[in-house]
């Protein structure tokens, strides 16, 4: 555990470190770049027992049941892995495509 987590005086402050990742999903209509932010909380936020939360910047499966890929975990690896799994699992049906 890094020293920065000891700076938080009150758990309600939700002090966190941000980690940024990106992944390109290849689709028939072109490539879609997802930016993923993993929040590393100093202590688990209220209602959670883990410190890492990953969330993508755009939704998938928009035409059926739109969902923003995300994941909780005990490490960056597990939270990021859950988020990436959802990006891979569901189709991207939006308009924000970039050229291949």
PDB file of N, CA and C in Angstrom:
ATOM      1  N   UNK A   1       0.848  -1.171   0.000  1.00  0.00           N
ATOM      2  CA  UNK A   1       0.000   0.000   0.000  1.00  0.00           C
ATOM      3  C   UNK A   1       0.896   1.238   0.000  1.00  0.00           C
ATOM      4  N   UNK A   2       0.596   2.185  -0.862  1.00  0.00           N
ATOM      5  CA  UNK A   2       1.379   3.412  -0.984  1.00  0.00           C
ATOM      6  C   UNK A   2       1.113   4.358   0.182  1.00  0.00           C
ATOM      7  N   UNK A   3       2.058   5.272   0.395  1.00  0.00           N
ATOM      8  CA  UNK A   3       1.937   6.235   1.490  1.00  0.00           C
ATOM      9  C   UNK A   3       0.777   7.206   1.312  1.00  0.00           C
ATOM     10  N   UNK A   4       0.390   7.515   0.082  1.00  0.00           N
ATOM     11  CA  UNK A   4      -0.644   8.533  -0.158  1.00  0.00           C
ATOM     12  C   UNK A   4      -1.970   8.195   0.511  1.00  0.00           C
ATOM     13  N   UNK A   5      -2.252   6.912   0.732  1.00  0.00           N
ATOM     14  CA  UNK A   5      -3.539   6.537   1.326  1.00  0.00           C
ATOM     15  C   UNK A   5      -3.677   7.026   2.768  1.00  0.00           C
ATOM     16  N   UNK A   6      -2.563   7.315   3.416  1.00  0.00           N
ATOM     17  CA  UNK A   6      -2.591   7.763   4.810  1.00  0.00           C
ATOM     18  C   UNK A   6      -2.920   9.250   4.938  1.00  0.00           C
ATOM     19  N   UNK A   7      -2.989   9.971   3.827  1.00  0.00           N
ATOM     20  CA  UNK A   7      -3.314  11.401   3.849  1.00  0.00           C
ATOM     21  C   UNK A   7      -4.791  11.620   4.155  1.00  0.00           C
ATOM     22  N   UNK A   8      -5.632  10.684   3.756  1.00  0.00           N
ATOM     23  CA  UNK A   8      -7.078  10.837   3.951  1.00  0.00           C
ATOM     24  C   UNK A   8      -7.416  10.865   5.439  1.00  0.00           C
ATOM     25  N   UNK A   9      -8.119  11.921   5.861  1.00  0.00           N
ATOM     26  CA  UNK A   9      -8.493  12.062   7.269  1.00  0.00           C
ATOM     27  C   UNK A   9      -9.864  11.466   7.562  1.00  0.00           C
ATOM     28  N   UNK A  10     -10.723  11.424   6.545  1.00  0.00           N
ATOM     29  CA  UNK A  10     -12.100  10.970   6.729  1.00  0.00           C
ATOM     30  C   UNK A  10     -12.491  10.157   5.498  1.00  0.00           C
ATOM     31  N   UNK A  11     -13.065   8.986   5.701  1.00  0.00           N
ATOM     32  CA  UNK A  11     -13.418   8.128   4.562  1.00  0.00           C
ATOM     33  C   UNK A  11     -14.431   8.785   3.629  1.00  0.00           C
ATOM     34  N   UNK A  12     -15.190   9.760   4.119  1.00  0.00           N
ATOM     35  CA  UNK A  12     -16.159  10.468   3.274  1.00  0.00           C
ATOM     36  C   UNK A  12     -15.466  11.325   2.212  1.00  0.00           C
ATOM     37  N   UNK A  13     -14.181  11.617   2.401  1.00  0.00           N
ATOM     38  CA  UNK A  13     -13.427  12.398   1.408  1.00  0.00           C
ATOM     39  C   UNK A  13     -13.222  11.618   0.115  1.00  0.00           C
ATOM     40  N   UNK A  14     -13.226  10.313   0.193  1.00  0.00           N
ATOM     41  CA  UNK A  14     -13.025   9.421  -0.952  1.00  0.00           C
ATOM     42  C   UNK A  14     -11.782   9.791  -1.767  1.00  0.00           C
ATOM     43  N   UNK A  15     -10.659   9.963  -1.086  1.00  0.00           N
ATOM     44  CA  UNK A  15      -9.387  10.217  -1.759  1.00  0.00           C
ATOM     45  C   UNK A  15      -9.077   9.039  -2.673  1.00  0.00           C
ATOM     46  N   UNK A  16      -8.667   9.334  -3.913  1.00  0.00           N
ATOM     47  CA  UNK A  16      -8.370   8.263  -4.863  1.00  0.00           C
ATOM     48  C   UNK A  16      -7.253   8.671  -5.805  1.00  0.00           C
ATOM     49  N   UNK A  17      -6.589   7.669  -6.335  1.00  0.00           N
ATOM     50  CA  UNK A  17      -5.604   7.860  -7.394  1.00  0.00           C
ATOM     51  C   UNK A  17      -6.242   7.338  -8.672  1.00  0.00           C
ATOM     52  N   UNK A  18      -6.054   8.060  -9.789  1.00  0.00           N
ATOM     53  CA  UNK A  18      -6.643   7.650 -11.059  1.00  0.00           C
ATOM     54  C   UNK A  18      -5.589   7.022 -11.959  1.00  0.00           C
ATOM     55  N   UNK A  19      -5.957   5.924 -12.598  1.00  0.00           N
ATOM     56  CA  UNK A  19      -5.099   5.233 -13.561  1.00  0.00           C
ATOM     57  C   UNK A  19      -5.858   5.216 -14.888  1.00  0.00           C
ATOM     58  N   UNK A  20      -5.183   5.561 -15.984  1.00  0.00           N
ATOM     59  CA  UNK A  20      -5.855   5.674 -17.282  1.00  0.00           C
ATOM     60  C   UNK A  20      -5.340   4.622 -18.261  1.00  0.00           C
ATOM     61  N   UNK A  21      -6.275   4.004 -18.979  1.00  0.00           N
ATOM     62  CA  UNK A  21      -5.972   2.976 -19.970  1.00  0.00           C
ATOM     63  C   UNK A  21      -6.844   3.214 -21.192  1.00  0.00           C
ATOM     64  N   UNK A  22      -6.478   2.615 -22.315  1.00  0.00           N
ATOM     65  CA  UNK A  22      -7.363   2.645 -23.483  1.00  0.00           C
ATOM     66  C   UNK A  22      -7.269   1.303 -24.192  1.00  0.00           C
ATOM     67  N   UNK A  23      -8.348   0.982 -24.906  1.00  0.00           N
ATOM     68  CA  UNK A  23      -8.406  -0.253 -25.672  1.00  0.00           C
ATOM     69  C   UNK A  23      -9.189   0.038 -26.946  1.00  0.00           C
ATOM     70  N   UNK A  24      -8.801  -0.588 -28.039  1.00  0.00           N
ATOM     71  CA  UNK A  24      -9.490  -0.414 -29.315  1.00  0.00           C
ATOM     72  C   UNK A  24     -10.319  -1.658 -29.586  1.00  0.00           C
ATOM     73  N   UNK A  25     -11.615  -1.452 -29.778  1.00  0.00           N
ATOM     74  CA  UNK A  25     -12.519  -2.551 -30.130  1.00  0.00           C
ATOM     75  C   UNK A  25     -12.682  -2.521 -31.640  1.00  0.00           C
ATOM     76  N   UNK A  26     -12.356  -3.626 -32.280  1.00  0.00           N
ATOM     77  CA  UNK A  26     -12.492  -3.719 -33.730  1.00  0.00           C
ATOM     78  C   UNK A  26     -13.902  -4.167 -34.067  1.00  0.00           C
ATOM     79  N   UNK A  27     -14.570  -3.382 -34.908  1.00  0.00           N
ATOM     80  CA  UNK A  27     -15.928  -3.705 -35.334  1.00  0.00           C
ATOM     81  C   UNK A  27     -15.980  -3.697 -36.852  1.00  0.00           C
ATOM     82  N   UNK A  28     -17.058  -4.221 -37.414  1.00  0.00           N
ATOM     83  CA  UNK A  28     -17.214  -4.243 -38.870  1.00  0.00           C
ATOM     84  C   UNK A  28     -17.229  -2.826 -39.443  1.00  0.00           C
ATOM     85  N   UNK A  29     -17.735  -1.870 -38.692  1.00  0.00           N
ATOM     86  CA  UNK A  29     -17.825  -0.491 -39.163  1.00  0.00           C
ATOM     87  C   UNK A  29     -16.594   0.349 -38.882  1.00  0.00           C
ATOM     88  N   UNK A  30     -15.578  -0.204 -38.267  1.00  0.00           N
ATOM     89  CA  UNK A  30     -14.365   0.532 -37.930  1.00  0.00           C
ATOM     90  C   UNK A  30     -13.957   0.291 -36.490  1.00  0.00           C
ATOM     91  N   UNK A  31     -12.883   0.931 -36.113  1.00  0.00           N
ATOM     92  CA  UNK A  31     -12.358   0.769 -34.758  1.00  0.00           C
ATOM     93  C   UNK A  31     -12.977   1.787 -33.807  1.00  0.00           C
ATOM     94  N   UNK A  32     -13.210   1.358 -32.577  1.00  0.00           N
ATOM     95  CA  UNK A  32     -13.757   2.229 -31.536  1.00  0.00           C
ATOM     96  C   UNK A  32     -12.776   2.215 -30.367  1.00  0.00           C
ATOM     97  N   UNK A  33     -12.318   3.393 -29.977  1.00  0.00           N
ATOM     98  CA  UNK A  33     -11.387   3.502 -28.856  1.00  0.00           C
ATOM     99  C   UNK A  33     -12.154   3.800 -27.574  1.00  0.00           C
ATOM    100  N   UNK A  34     -11.932   2.981 -26.573  1.00  0.00           N
ATOM    101  CA  UNK A  34     -12.523   3.170 -25.251  1.00  0.00           C
ATOM    102  C   UNK A  34     -11.427   3.660 -24.310  1.00  0.00           C
ATOM    103  N   UNK A  35     -11.706   4.725 -23.581  1.00  0.00           N
ATOM    104  CA  UNK A  35     -10.821   5.184 -22.515  1.00  0.00           C
ATOM    105  C   UNK A  35     -11.383   4.614 -21.214  1.00  0.00           C
ATOM    106  N   UNK A  36     -10.511   4.013 -20.427  1.00  0.00           N
ATOM    107  CA  UNK A  36     -10.932   3.398 -19.166  1.00  0.00           C
ATOM    108  C   UNK A  36     -10.186   4.080 -18.027  1.00  0.00           C
ATOM    109  N   UNK A  37     -10.928   4.506 -17.028  1.00  0.00           N
ATOM    110  CA  UNK A  37     -10.336   5.096 -15.833  1.00  0.00           C
ATOM    111  C   UNK A  37     -10.534   4.126 -14.676  1.00  0.00           C
ATOM    112  N   UNK A  38      -9.429   3.789 -14.018  1.00  0.00           N
ATOM    113  CA  UNK A  38      -9.506   2.959 -12.817  1.00  0.00           C
ATOM    114  C   UNK A  38      -9.261   3.876 -11.624  1.00  0.00           C
ATOM    115  N   UNK A  39     -10.218   3.892 -10.715  1.00  0.00           N
ATOM    116  CA  UNK A  39     -10.103   4.677  -9.486  1.00  0.00           C
ATOM    117  C   UNK A  39      -9.578   3.764  -8.385  1.00  0.00           C
ATOM    118  N   UNK A  40      -8.457   4.162  -7.794  1.00  0.00           N
ATOM    119  CA  UNK A  40      -7.893   3.430  -6.658  1.00  0.00           C
ATOM    120  C   UNK A  40      -8.194   4.242  -5.401  1.00  0.00           C
ATOM    121  N   UNK A  41      -9.180   3.808  -4.649  1.00  0.00           N
ATOM    122  CA  UNK A  41      -9.592   4.524  -3.444  1.00  0.00           C
ATOM    123  C   UNK A  41      -8.629   4.238  -2.297  1.00  0.00           C
ATOM    124  N   UNK A  42      -8.401   5.239  -1.439  1.00  0.00           N
ATOM    125  CA  UNK A  42      -7.558   5.038  -0.259  1.00  0.00           C
ATOM    126  C   UNK A  42      -8.171   3.973   0.647  1.00  0.00           C
ATOM    127  N   UNK A  43      -9.475   4.041   0.833  1.00  0.00           N
ATOM    128  CA  UNK A  43     -10.237   3.012   1.551  1.00  0.00           C
ATOM    129  C   UNK A  43     -11.480   2.730   0.721  1.00  0.00           C
ATOM    130  N   UNK A  44     -12.042   1.536   0.817  1.00  0.00           N
ATOM    131  CA  UNK A  44     -13.243   1.252   0.026  1.00  0.00           C
ATOM    132  C   UNK A  44     -14.335   2.295   0.274  1.00  0.00           C
ATOM    133  N   UNK A  45     -14.993   2.756  -0.794  1.00  0.00           N
ATOM    134  CA  UNK A  45     -16.075   3.728  -0.607  1.00  0.00           C
ATOM    135  C   UNK A  45     -17.254   3.096   0.127  1.00  0.00           C
ATOM    136  N   UNK A  46     -18.148   3.919   0.661  1.00  0.00           N
ATOM    137  CA  UNK A  46     -19.302   3.386   1.395  1.00  0.00           C
ATOM    138  C   UNK A  46     -20.077   2.358   0.569  1.00  0.00           C
ATOM    139  N   UNK A  47     -20.373   1.229   1.182  1.00  0.00           N
ATOM    140  CA  UNK A  47     -21.120   0.175   0.510  1.00  0.00           C
ATOM    141  C   UNK A  47     -20.261  -0.812  -0.258  1.00  0.00           C
ATOM    142  N   UNK A  48     -18.951  -0.604  -0.293  1.00  0.00           N
ATOM    143  CA  UNK A  48     -18.048  -1.505  -1.019  1.00  0.00           C
ATOM    144  C   UNK A  48     -17.030  -2.116  -0.062  1.00  0.00           C
ATOM    145  N   UNK A  49     -16.469  -3.244  -0.481  1.00  0.00           N
ATOM    146  CA  UNK A  49     -15.417  -3.877   0.318  1.00  0.00           C
ATOM    147  C   UNK A  49     -14.094  -3.915  -0.428  1.00  0.00           C
ATOM    148  N   UNK A  50     -14.075  -3.369  -1.652  1.00  0.00           N
ATOM    149  CA  UNK A  50     -12.852  -3.351  -2.457  1.00  0.00           C
ATOM    150  C   UNK A  50     -12.506  -1.913  -2.829  1.00  0.00           C
ATOM    151  N   UNK A  51     -11.240  -1.677  -3.210  1.00  0.00           N
ATOM    152  CA  UNK A  51     -10.732  -0.322  -3.418  1.00  0.00           C
ATOM    153  C   UNK A  51     -10.615   0.104  -4.874  1.00  0.00           C
ATOM    154  N   UNK A  52     -10.800  -0.792  -5.832  1.00  0.00           N
ATOM    155  CA  UNK A  52     -10.548  -0.456  -7.232  1.00  0.00           C
ATOM    156  C   UNK A  52     -11.829  -0.516  -8.056  1.00  0.00           C
ATOM    157  N   UNK A  53     -12.082   0.547  -8.842  1.00  0.00           N
ATOM    158  CA  UNK A  53     -13.268   0.626  -9.690  1.00  0.00           C
ATOM    159  C   UNK A  53     -12.849   1.130 -11.067  1.00  0.00           C
ATOM    160  N   UNK A  54     -13.185   0.381 -12.103  1.00  0.00           N
ATOM    161  CA  UNK A  54     -12.868   0.756 -13.485  1.00  0.00           C
ATOM    162  C   UNK A  54     -14.155   1.073 -14.230  1.00  0.00           C
ATOM    163  N   UNK A  55     -14.093   2.108 -15.089  1.00  0.00           N
ATOM    164  CA  UNK A  55     -15.271   2.476 -15.882  1.00  0.00           C
ATOM    165  C   UNK A  55     -14.827   3.008 -17.235  1.00  0.00           C
ATOM    166  N   UNK A  56     -15.490   2.537 -18.301  1.00  0.00           N
ATOM    167  CA  UNK A  56     -15.209   2.999 -19.658  1.00  0.00           C
ATOM    168  C   UNK A  56     -15.896   4.334 -19.907  1.00  0.00           C
ATOM    169  N   UNK A  57     -15.453   5.022 -20.947  1.00  0.00           N
ATOM    170  CA  UNK A  57     -16.002   6.347 -21.253  1.00  0.00           C
ATOM    171  C   UNK A  57     -17.220   6.317 -22.161  1.00  0.00           C
ATOM    172  N   UNK A  58     -17.602   5.145 -22.656  1.00  0.00           N
ATOM    173  CA  UNK A  58     -18.789   5.063 -23.508  1.00  0.00           C
ATOM    174  C   UNK A  58     -19.486   3.735 -23.306  1.00  0.00           C
ATOM    175  N   UNK A  59     -20.748   3.717 -23.671  1.00  0.00           N
ATOM    176  CA  UNK A  59     -21.583   2.528 -23.493  1.00  0.00           C
ATOM    177  C   UNK A  59     -21.399   1.542 -24.645  1.00  0.00           C
ATOM    178  N   UNK A  60     -21.835   0.318 -24.406  1.00  0.00           N
ATOM    179  CA  UNK A  60     -21.920  -0.727 -25.434  1.00  0.00           C
ATOM    180  C   UNK A  60     -23.354  -1.250 -25.426  1.00  0.00           C
ATOM    181  N   UNK A  61     -23.694  -2.036 -26.437  1.00  0.00           N
ATOM    182  CA  UNK A  61     -25.016  -2.674 -26.506  1.00  0.00           C
ATOM    183  C   UNK A  61     -26.147  -1.635 -26.501  1.00  0.00           C
ATOM    184  N   UNK A  62     -25.897  -0.497 -27.165  1.00  0.00           N
ATOM    185  CA  UNK A  62     -26.811   0.642 -27.099  1.00  0.00           C
ATOM    186  C   UNK A  62     -28.209   0.356 -27.639  1.00  0.00           C
ATOM    187  N   UNK A  63     -28.354  -0.506 -28.629  1.00  0.00           N
ATOM    188  CA  UNK A  63     -29.664  -0.724 -29.259  1.00  0.00           C
ATOM    189  C   UNK A  63     -30.548  -1.709 -28.499  1.00  0.00           C
ATOM    190  N   UNK A  64     -29.972  -2.476 -27.588  1.00  0.00           N
ATOM    191  CA  UNK A  64     -30.751  -3.466 -26.839  1.00  0.00           C
ATOM    192  C   UNK A  64     -30.932  -3.041 -25.389  1.00  0.00           C
ATOM    193  N   UNK A  65     -29.851  -3.044 -24.651  1.00  0.00           N
ATOM    194  CA  UNK A  65     -29.868  -2.630 -23.237  1.00  0.00           C
ATOM    195  C   UNK A  65     -28.522  -1.977 -22.958  1.00  0.00           C
ATOM    196  N   UNK A  66     -28.451  -0.697 -23.203  1.00  0.00           N
ATOM    197  CA  UNK A  66     -27.203   0.046 -23.086  1.00  0.00           C
ATOM    198  C   UNK A  66     -26.571  -0.136 -21.705  1.00  0.00           C
ATOM    199  N   UNK A  67     -25.271  -0.382 -21.706  1.00  0.00           N
ATOM    200  CA  UNK A  67     -24.536  -0.556 -20.453  1.00  0.00           C
ATOM    201  C   UNK A  67     -23.153   0.076 -20.608  1.00  0.00           C
ATOM    202  N   UNK A  68     -22.701   0.760 -19.561  1.00  0.00           N
ATOM    203  CA  UNK A  68     -21.347   1.302 -19.540  1.00  0.00           C
ATOM    204  C   UNK A  68     -20.464   0.253 -18.873  1.00  0.00           C
ATOM    205  N   UNK A  69     -19.471  -0.270 -19.595  1.00  0.00           N
ATOM    206  CA  UNK A  69     -18.600  -1.289 -19.008  1.00  0.00           C
ATOM    207  C   UNK A  69     -17.894  -0.765 -17.756  1.00  0.00           C
ATOM    208  N   UNK A  70     -17.897  -1.590 -16.718  1.00  0.00           N
ATOM    209  CA  UNK A  70     -17.257  -1.210 -15.467  1.00  0.00           C
ATOM    210  C   UNK A  70     -16.879  -2.476 -14.709  1.00  0.00           C
ATOM    211  N   UNK A  71     -16.155  -2.299 -13.623  1.00  0.00           N
ATOM    212  CA  UNK A  71     -15.806  -3.440 -12.793  1.00  0.00           C
ATOM    213  C   UNK A  71     -15.189  -3.010 -11.476  1.00  0.00           C
ATOM    214  N   UNK A  72     -15.476  -3.755 -10.435  1.00  0.00           N
ATOM    215  CA  UNK A  72     -14.881  -3.566  -9.116  1.00  0.00           C
ATOM    216  C   UNK A  72     -13.879  -4.688  -8.885  1.00  0.00           C
ATOM    217  N   UNK A  73     -12.860  -4.440  -8.067  1.00  0.00           N
ATOM    218  CA  UNK A  73     -11.920  -5.506  -7.769  1.00  0.00           C
ATOM    219  C   UNK A  73     -10.978  -5.167  -6.633  1.00  0.00           C
ATOM    220  N   UNK A  74     -10.200  -6.169  -6.245  1.00  0.00           N
ATOM    221  CA  UNK A  74      -9.217  -6.003  -5.176  1.00  0.00           C
ATOM    222  C   UNK A  74      -7.881  -5.499  -5.708  1.00  0.00           C
ATOM    223  N   UNK A  75      -7.789  -5.337  -7.041  1.00  0.00           N
ATOM    224  CA  UNK A  75      -6.561  -4.844  -7.667  1.00  0.00           C
ATOM    225  C   UNK A  75      -6.925  -4.124  -8.961  1.00  0.00           C
ATOM    226  N   UNK A  76      -5.961  -3.365  -9.495  1.00  0.00           N
ATOM    227  CA  UNK A  76      -6.174  -2.738 -10.805  1.00  0.00           C
ATOM    228  C   UNK A  76      -6.460  -3.824 -11.826  1.00  0.00           C
ATOM    229  N   UNK A  77      -5.709  -4.904 -11.769  1.00  0.00           N
ATOM    230  CA  UNK A  77      -5.855  -6.009 -12.716  1.00  0.00           C
ATOM    231  C   UNK A  77      -7.282  -6.553 -12.742  1.00  0.00           C
ATOM    232  N   UNK A  78      -7.863  -6.811 -11.589  1.00  0.00           N
ATOM    233  CA  UNK A  78      -9.200  -7.417 -11.571  1.00  0.00           C
ATOM    234  C   UNK A  78     -10.283  -6.427 -11.992  1.00  0.00           C
ATOM    235  N   UNK A  79     -10.211  -5.175 -11.551  1.00  0.00           N
ATOM    236  CA  UNK A  79     -11.215  -4.178 -11.946  1.00  0.00           C
ATOM    237  C   UNK A  79     -11.122  -3.883 -13.441  1.00  0.00           C
ATOM    238  N   UNK A  80      -9.910  -3.665 -13.938  1.00  0.00           N
ATOM    239  CA  UNK A  80      -9.708  -3.405 -15.366  1.00  0.00           C
ATOM    240  C   UNK A  80     -10.119  -4.613 -16.193  1.00  0.00           C
ATOM    241  N   UNK A  81      -9.800  -5.796 -15.721  1.00  0.00           N
ATOM    242  CA  UNK A  81     -10.164  -7.024 -16.432  1.00  0.00           C
ATOM    243  C   UNK A  81     -11.660  -7.187 -16.592  1.00  0.00           C
ATOM    244  N   UNK A  82     -12.422  -6.883 -15.548  1.00  0.00           N
ATOM    245  CA  UNK A  82     -13.885  -6.967 -15.637  1.00  0.00           C
ATOM    246  C   UNK A  82     -14.432  -5.965 -16.646  1.00  0.00           C
ATOM    247  N   UNK A  83     -13.895  -4.759 -16.646  1.00  0.00           N
ATOM    248  CA  UNK A  83     -14.346  -3.720 -17.565  1.00  0.00           C
ATOM    249  C   UNK A  83     -14.041  -4.116 -19.016  1.00  0.00           C
ATOM    250  N   UNK A  84     -12.837  -4.573 -19.272  1.00  0.00           N
ATOM    251  CA  UNK A  84     -12.444  -4.988 -20.624  1.00  0.00           C
ATOM    252  C   UNK A  84     -13.284  -6.175 -21.088  1.00  0.00           C
ATOM    253  N   UNK A  85     -13.583  -7.097 -20.190  1.00  0.00           N
ATOM    254  CA  UNK A  85     -14.412  -8.250 -20.548  1.00  0.00           C
ATOM    255  C   UNK A  85     -15.774  -7.802 -21.072  1.00  0.00           C
ATOM    256  N   UNK A  86     -16.375  -6.804 -20.433  1.00  0.00           N
ATOM    257  CA  UNK A  86     -17.674  -6.296 -20.890  1.00  0.00           C
ATOM    258  C   UNK A  86     -17.564  -5.580 -22.237  1.00  0.00           C
ATOM    259  N   UNK A  87     -16.455  -4.862 -22.461  1.00  0.00           N
ATOM    260  CA  UNK A  87     -16.240  -4.214 -23.762  1.00  0.00           C
ATOM    261  C   UNK A  87     -16.162  -5.269 -24.854  1.00  0.00           C
ATOM    262  N   UNK A  88     -15.464  -6.359 -24.580  1.00  0.00           N
ATOM    263  CA  UNK A  88     -15.330  -7.438 -25.572  1.00  0.00           C
ATOM    264  C   UNK A  88     -16.633  -8.202 -25.768  1.00  0.00           C
ATOM    265  N   UNK A  89     -17.399  -8.369 -24.704  1.00  0.00           N
ATOM    266  CA  UNK A  89     -18.592  -9.215 -24.728  1.00  0.00           C
ATOM    267  C   UNK A  89     -19.748  -8.602 -25.514  1.00  0.00           C
ATOM    268  N   UNK A  90     -19.931  -7.292 -25.438  1.00  0.00           N
ATOM    269  CA  UNK A  90     -21.096  -6.651 -26.048  1.00  0.00           C
ATOM    270  C   UNK A  90     -20.707  -5.839 -27.277  1.00  0.00           C
ATOM    271  N   UNK A  91     -21.617  -5.733 -28.254  1.00  0.00           N
ATOM    272  CA  UNK A  91     -21.318  -4.950 -29.459  1.00  0.00           C
ATOM    273  C   UNK A  91     -21.354  -3.452 -29.170  1.00  0.00           C
ATOM    274  N   UNK A  92     -20.545  -2.721 -29.927  1.00  0.00           N
ATOM    275  CA  UNK A  92     -20.638  -1.267 -29.882  1.00  0.00           C
ATOM    276  C   UNK A  92     -21.549  -0.861 -31.024  1.00  0.00           C
ATOM    277  N   UNK A  93     -22.647  -0.188 -30.707  1.00  0.00           N
ATOM    278  CA  UNK A  93     -23.652   0.149 -31.717  1.00  0.00           C
ATOM    279  C   UNK A  93     -23.864   1.651 -31.836  1.00  0.00           C
ATOM    280  N   UNK A  94     -22.902   2.427 -31.391  1.00  0.00           N
ATOM    281  CA  UNK A  94     -23.016   3.883 -31.432  1.00  0.00           C
ATOM    282  C   UNK A  94     -22.417   4.457 -32.694  1.00  0.00           C
ATOM    283  N   UNK A  95     -22.257   5.779 -32.701  1.00  0.00           N
ATOM    284  CA  UNK A  95     -21.766   6.487 -33.880  1.00  0.00           C
ATOM    285  C   UNK A  95     -20.336   6.984 -33.739  1.00  0.00           C
ATOM    286  N   UNK A  96     -19.707   6.796 -32.593  1.00  0.00           N
ATOM    287  CA  UNK A  96     -18.390   7.386 -32.348  1.00  0.00           C
ATOM    288  C   UNK A  96     -17.265   6.478 -32.828  1.00  0.00           C
ATOM    289  N   UNK A  97     -17.215   6.201 -34.092  1.00  0.00           N
ATOM    290  CA  UNK A  97     -16.192   5.314 -34.642  1.00  0.00           C
ATOM    291  C   UNK A  97     -15.054   6.130 -35.240  1.00  0.00           C
ATOM    292  N   UNK A  98     -13.866   5.556 -35.189  1.00  0.00           N
ATOM    293  CA  UNK A  98     -12.708   6.178 -35.815  1.00  0.00           C
ATOM    294  C   UNK A  98     -12.265   5.300 -36.966  1.00  0.00           C
ATOM    295  N   UNK A  99     -11.536   5.861 -37.894  1.00  0.00           N
ATOM    296  CA  UNK A  99     -11.061   5.082 -39.038  1.00  0.00           C
ATOM    297  C   UNK A  99     -10.100   3.997 -38.623  1.00  0.00           C
ATOM    298  N   UNK A 100      -9.998   2.933 -39.428  1.00  0.00           N
ATOM    299  CA  UNK A 100      -9.103   1.842 -39.084  1.00  0.00           C
ATOM    300  C   UNK A 100      -7.728   2.240 -39.454  1.00  0.00           C
TER     301      UNK A 100
END
